[in-house]
């Protein structure tokens, strides 16, 4: 699946409030730009940690830690979608939260 991801065909958008948040690692800011741009283009964002890791030449664990930072600081929300009647995750949706006024 990761090899199918071609990335955003537009500029990455990273709002200043995210770009200047010193709690975030630089790659978390890039990830936010990717997610924010995908949300603006497609509405829903379903990109996996593996696809992000491949795109930025990171390990899946590193991508997971960066996504966790964005969740921790309230920039995104993750929702897992399960196969009916099971605990098997079939997809994960990422929602960009309203940005704080700073």
N, C-alpha and C. Protein backbone atom coordinates (compact mmCIF):
# COMPACT_ATOMS: atom_id res chain seq x y z
N UNK A 1 0.80 -1.20 0.00
CA UNK A 1 0.00 0.00 0.00
C UNK A 1 0.84 1.26 0.00
N UNK A 2 1.92 1.26 0.77
CA UNK A 2 2.74 2.46 0.88
C UNK A 2 3.28 2.89 -0.47
N UNK A 3 3.58 1.93 -1.34
CA UNK A 3 4.13 2.29 -2.64
C UNK A 3 3.11 2.97 -3.54
N UNK A 4 1.82 2.86 -3.22
CA UNK A 4 0.79 3.52 -4.00
C UNK A 4 0.71 5.01 -3.69
N UNK A 5 1.18 5.42 -2.53
CA UNK A 5 1.07 6.82 -2.12
C UNK A 5 2.04 7.67 -2.92
N UNK A 6 1.52 8.68 -3.59
CA UNK A 6 2.34 9.56 -4.42
C UNK A 6 2.55 10.92 -3.78
N UNK A 7 1.90 11.16 -2.64
CA UNK A 7 2.05 12.44 -1.96
C UNK A 7 1.08 13.47 -2.51
N UNK A 8 1.16 14.61 -1.95
CA UNK A 8 0.30 15.72 -2.34
C UNK A 8 0.87 16.37 -3.59
N UNK A 9 0.02 16.68 -4.54
CA UNK A 9 0.46 17.32 -5.76
C UNK A 9 0.38 18.84 -5.64
N UNK A 10 0.38 19.33 -4.44
CA UNK A 10 0.31 20.74 -4.16
C UNK A 10 1.39 21.07 -3.13
N UNK A 11 1.47 22.33 -2.77
CA UNK A 11 2.40 22.73 -1.73
C UNK A 11 1.94 22.17 -0.39
N UNK A 12 2.91 21.84 0.46
CA UNK A 12 2.56 21.48 1.82
C UNK A 12 2.23 22.76 2.57
N UNK A 13 1.16 22.74 3.32
CA UNK A 13 0.75 23.89 4.12
C UNK A 13 1.05 23.62 5.57
N UNK A 14 1.86 24.45 6.17
CA UNK A 14 2.12 24.35 7.60
C UNK A 14 1.83 25.71 8.21
N UNK A 15 0.70 25.84 8.88
CA UNK A 15 0.36 27.12 9.50
C UNK A 15 1.44 27.55 10.50
N UNK A 16 1.59 28.84 10.68
CA UNK A 16 2.64 29.38 11.54
C UNK A 16 2.56 28.84 12.96
N UNK A 17 1.34 28.65 13.48
CA UNK A 17 1.20 28.16 14.85
C UNK A 17 1.85 26.78 15.00
N UNK A 18 1.81 25.97 13.97
CA UNK A 18 2.46 24.66 14.00
C UNK A 18 3.96 24.81 13.72
N UNK A 19 4.30 25.58 12.72
CA UNK A 19 5.71 25.75 12.35
C UNK A 19 6.55 26.31 13.48
N UNK A 20 5.96 27.13 14.33
CA UNK A 20 6.70 27.77 15.41
C UNK A 20 6.49 27.11 16.77
N UNK A 21 5.83 25.95 16.79
CA UNK A 21 5.62 25.23 18.04
C UNK A 21 6.89 24.44 18.36
N UNK A 22 7.68 24.93 19.28
CA UNK A 22 8.96 24.31 19.61
C UNK A 22 8.84 22.98 20.35
N UNK A 23 7.63 22.60 20.72
CA UNK A 23 7.44 21.28 21.33
C UNK A 23 7.52 20.18 20.28
N UNK A 24 7.28 20.53 19.03
CA UNK A 24 7.26 19.55 17.95
C UNK A 24 8.63 19.37 17.32
N UNK A 25 8.95 18.14 16.97
CA UNK A 25 10.16 17.88 16.21
C UNK A 25 9.93 18.39 14.78
N UNK A 26 11.02 18.77 14.09
CA UNK A 26 10.86 19.30 12.73
C UNK A 26 10.08 18.38 11.79
N UNK A 27 10.32 17.07 11.87
CA UNK A 27 9.59 16.16 10.98
C UNK A 27 8.11 16.07 11.34
N UNK A 28 7.76 16.31 12.60
CA UNK A 28 6.33 16.35 12.97
C UNK A 28 5.66 17.52 12.26
N UNK A 29 6.37 18.61 12.12
CA UNK A 29 5.84 19.78 11.42
C UNK A 29 5.64 19.47 9.93
N UNK A 30 6.57 18.72 9.35
CA UNK A 30 6.40 18.28 7.96
C UNK A 30 5.21 17.35 7.82
N UNK A 31 5.09 16.41 8.76
CA UNK A 31 3.95 15.49 8.73
C UNK A 31 2.64 16.27 8.81
N UNK A 32 2.60 17.28 9.68
CA UNK A 32 1.38 18.07 9.78
C UNK A 32 1.09 18.74 8.45
N UNK A 33 2.12 19.29 7.81
CA UNK A 33 1.93 19.92 6.50
C UNK A 33 1.36 18.96 5.48
N UNK A 34 1.84 17.74 5.49
CA UNK A 34 1.34 16.69 4.58
C UNK A 34 -0.12 16.38 4.89
N UNK A 35 -0.42 16.17 6.16
CA UNK A 35 -1.78 15.83 6.58
C UNK A 35 -2.73 16.99 6.30
N UNK A 36 -2.31 18.19 6.63
CA UNK A 36 -3.14 19.39 6.42
C UNK A 36 -3.44 19.56 4.93
N UNK A 37 -2.44 19.37 4.09
CA UNK A 37 -2.64 19.52 2.65
C UNK A 37 -3.55 18.43 2.10
N UNK A 38 -3.35 17.19 2.55
CA UNK A 38 -4.24 16.10 2.12
C UNK A 38 -5.68 16.39 2.53
N UNK A 39 -5.87 16.89 3.74
CA UNK A 39 -7.22 17.23 4.21
C UNK A 39 -7.84 18.32 3.36
N UNK A 40 -7.04 19.31 2.96
CA UNK A 40 -7.56 20.39 2.13
C UNK A 40 -7.90 19.93 0.72
N UNK A 41 -7.17 18.94 0.22
CA UNK A 41 -7.40 18.45 -1.13
C UNK A 41 -8.49 17.39 -1.18
N UNK A 42 -8.43 16.41 -0.25
CA UNK A 42 -9.31 15.25 -0.32
C UNK A 42 -10.39 15.23 0.75
N UNK A 43 -10.30 16.07 1.74
CA UNK A 43 -11.28 16.06 2.83
C UNK A 43 -10.89 15.09 3.92
N UNK A 44 -10.93 13.81 3.62
CA UNK A 44 -10.57 12.78 4.59
C UNK A 44 -9.13 12.35 4.39
N UNK A 45 -8.46 12.04 5.48
CA UNK A 45 -7.06 11.63 5.41
C UNK A 45 -6.94 10.23 6.00
N UNK A 46 -6.42 9.31 5.22
CA UNK A 46 -6.28 7.91 5.64
C UNK A 46 -4.85 7.41 5.51
N UNK A 47 -3.88 8.28 5.43
CA UNK A 47 -2.49 7.88 5.20
C UNK A 47 -1.95 7.10 6.40
N UNK A 48 -1.21 6.05 6.12
CA UNK A 48 -0.66 5.20 7.17
C UNK A 48 0.70 5.72 7.63
N UNK A 49 1.11 5.25 8.80
CA UNK A 49 2.45 5.58 9.29
C UNK A 49 3.51 5.04 8.33
N UNK A 50 3.25 3.87 7.76
CA UNK A 50 4.20 3.27 6.82
C UNK A 50 4.38 4.15 5.58
N UNK A 51 3.29 4.71 5.08
CA UNK A 51 3.38 5.57 3.90
C UNK A 51 4.14 6.85 4.22
N UNK A 52 3.86 7.43 5.38
CA UNK A 52 4.59 8.64 5.80
C UNK A 52 6.07 8.33 6.01
N UNK A 53 6.34 7.18 6.63
CA UNK A 53 7.73 6.79 6.88
C UNK A 53 8.49 6.63 5.57
N UNK A 54 7.87 5.99 4.60
CA UNK A 54 8.52 5.79 3.31
C UNK A 54 8.76 7.14 2.62
N UNK A 55 7.78 8.00 2.66
CA UNK A 55 7.89 9.30 1.99
C UNK A 55 9.03 10.13 2.56
N UNK A 56 9.24 10.07 3.87
CA UNK A 56 10.26 10.88 4.52
C UNK A 56 11.50 10.08 4.94
N UNK A 57 11.59 8.86 4.44
CA UNK A 57 12.75 7.99 4.68
C UNK A 57 13.04 7.82 6.17
N UNK A 58 12.00 7.45 6.89
CA UNK A 58 12.07 7.19 8.32
C UNK A 58 11.61 5.77 8.60
N UNK A 59 11.81 5.31 9.82
CA UNK A 59 11.24 4.03 10.21
C UNK A 59 9.76 4.24 10.55
N UNK A 60 9.01 3.16 10.53
CA UNK A 60 7.59 3.24 10.90
C UNK A 60 7.46 3.67 12.36
N UNK A 61 8.35 3.20 13.22
CA UNK A 61 8.32 3.60 14.63
C UNK A 61 8.54 5.11 14.77
N UNK A 62 9.48 5.66 14.02
CA UNK A 62 9.73 7.11 14.07
C UNK A 62 8.50 7.87 13.59
N UNK A 63 7.87 7.41 12.52
CA UNK A 63 6.66 8.05 12.01
C UNK A 63 5.55 8.00 13.06
N UNK A 64 5.42 6.88 13.73
CA UNK A 64 4.41 6.73 14.77
C UNK A 64 4.64 7.71 15.91
N UNK A 65 5.88 7.91 16.32
CA UNK A 65 6.21 8.86 17.38
C UNK A 65 5.86 10.30 16.96
N UNK A 66 6.11 10.62 15.69
CA UNK A 66 5.80 11.97 15.20
C UNK A 66 4.29 12.21 15.15
N UNK A 67 3.55 11.21 14.70
CA UNK A 67 2.08 11.31 14.68
C UNK A 67 1.57 11.46 16.12
N UNK A 68 2.17 10.71 17.04
CA UNK A 68 1.77 10.79 18.45
C UNK A 68 1.99 12.19 19.01
N UNK A 69 3.05 12.86 18.58
CA UNK A 69 3.29 14.24 19.02
C UNK A 69 2.16 15.15 18.55
N UNK A 70 1.75 14.99 17.31
CA UNK A 70 0.68 15.83 16.77
C UNK A 70 -0.64 15.59 17.50
N UNK A 71 -0.87 14.34 17.91
CA UNK A 71 -2.07 14.02 18.70
C UNK A 71 -1.93 14.62 20.09
N UNK A 72 -0.78 14.42 20.72
CA UNK A 72 -0.54 14.89 22.09
C UNK A 72 -0.79 16.39 22.22
N UNK A 73 -0.34 17.16 21.25
CA UNK A 73 -0.47 18.61 21.33
C UNK A 73 -1.75 19.13 20.68
N UNK A 74 -2.64 18.22 20.29
CA UNK A 74 -3.97 18.60 19.87
C UNK A 74 -4.12 19.08 18.44
N UNK A 75 -3.12 18.83 17.60
CA UNK A 75 -3.21 19.29 16.21
C UNK A 75 -4.05 18.35 15.34
N UNK A 76 -4.04 17.06 15.67
CA UNK A 76 -4.82 16.09 14.91
C UNK A 76 -5.53 15.13 15.86
N UNK A 77 -6.56 14.48 15.33
CA UNK A 77 -7.27 13.42 16.05
C UNK A 77 -7.25 12.18 15.17
N UNK A 78 -7.02 11.04 15.79
CA UNK A 78 -7.00 9.77 15.08
C UNK A 78 -8.25 8.98 15.44
N UNK A 79 -8.91 8.42 14.43
CA UNK A 79 -10.05 7.54 14.66
C UNK A 79 -9.79 6.22 13.93
N UNK A 80 -9.88 5.15 14.69
CA UNK A 80 -9.69 3.82 14.10
C UNK A 80 -11.04 3.26 13.70
N UNK A 81 -11.08 2.65 12.53
CA UNK A 81 -12.29 2.01 12.00
C UNK A 81 -12.04 0.51 12.01
N UNK A 82 -12.95 -0.22 12.66
CA UNK A 82 -12.77 -1.65 12.85
C UNK A 82 -13.69 -2.47 11.95
N UNK A 83 -13.21 -3.66 11.61
CA UNK A 83 -14.06 -4.61 10.90
C UNK A 83 -15.20 -4.96 11.85
N UNK A 84 -16.43 -4.96 11.32
CA UNK A 84 -17.61 -5.15 12.15
C UNK A 84 -17.51 -6.42 13.00
N UNK A 85 -17.76 -6.24 14.28
CA UNK A 85 -17.78 -7.36 15.20
C UNK A 85 -16.40 -7.86 15.62
N UNK A 86 -15.33 -7.14 15.23
CA UNK A 86 -13.98 -7.57 15.58
C UNK A 86 -13.18 -6.38 16.11
N UNK A 87 -11.97 -6.68 16.52
CA UNK A 87 -11.04 -5.62 16.92
C UNK A 87 -10.00 -5.38 15.83
N UNK A 88 -10.26 -5.88 14.63
CA UNK A 88 -9.34 -5.72 13.51
C UNK A 88 -9.52 -4.33 12.88
N UNK A 89 -8.43 -3.56 12.88
CA UNK A 89 -8.47 -2.22 12.29
C UNK A 89 -8.43 -2.34 10.77
N UNK A 90 -9.40 -1.73 10.11
CA UNK A 90 -9.41 -1.76 8.64
C UNK A 90 -8.88 -0.46 8.05
N UNK A 91 -9.01 0.65 8.79
CA UNK A 91 -8.41 1.90 8.36
C UNK A 91 -8.38 2.87 9.52
N UNK A 92 -7.59 3.90 9.33
CA UNK A 92 -7.45 4.94 10.34
C UNK A 92 -7.71 6.26 9.64
N UNK A 93 -8.57 7.07 10.23
CA UNK A 93 -8.80 8.39 9.67
C UNK A 93 -8.15 9.44 10.58
N UNK A 94 -7.59 10.46 9.94
CA UNK A 94 -6.93 11.54 10.65
C UNK A 94 -7.72 12.81 10.38
N UNK A 95 -8.07 13.51 11.44
CA UNK A 95 -8.79 14.77 11.34
C UNK A 95 -7.89 15.88 11.85
N UNK A 96 -7.82 16.96 11.12
CA UNK A 96 -7.08 18.14 11.56
C UNK A 96 -8.00 18.93 12.48
N UNK A 97 -7.52 19.17 13.69
CA UNK A 97 -8.31 19.92 14.67
C UNK A 97 -8.21 21.42 14.38
N UNK A 98 -9.19 22.18 14.86
CA UNK A 98 -9.08 23.64 14.72
C UNK A 98 -7.80 24.12 15.38
N UNK A 99 -7.11 25.02 14.71
CA UNK A 99 -5.83 25.50 15.21
C UNK A 99 -6.04 26.57 16.27
N UNK A 100 -5.19 26.55 17.31
CA UNK A 100 -5.32 27.57 18.34
C UNK A 100 -4.92 28.94 17.82
N UNK A 101 -5.49 29.97 18.40
CA UNK A 101 -5.10 31.34 18.06
C UNK A 101 -3.92 31.72 18.94
N UNK A 102 -2.76 31.88 18.32
CA UNK A 102 -1.57 32.27 19.08
C UNK A 102 -0.93 33.45 18.38
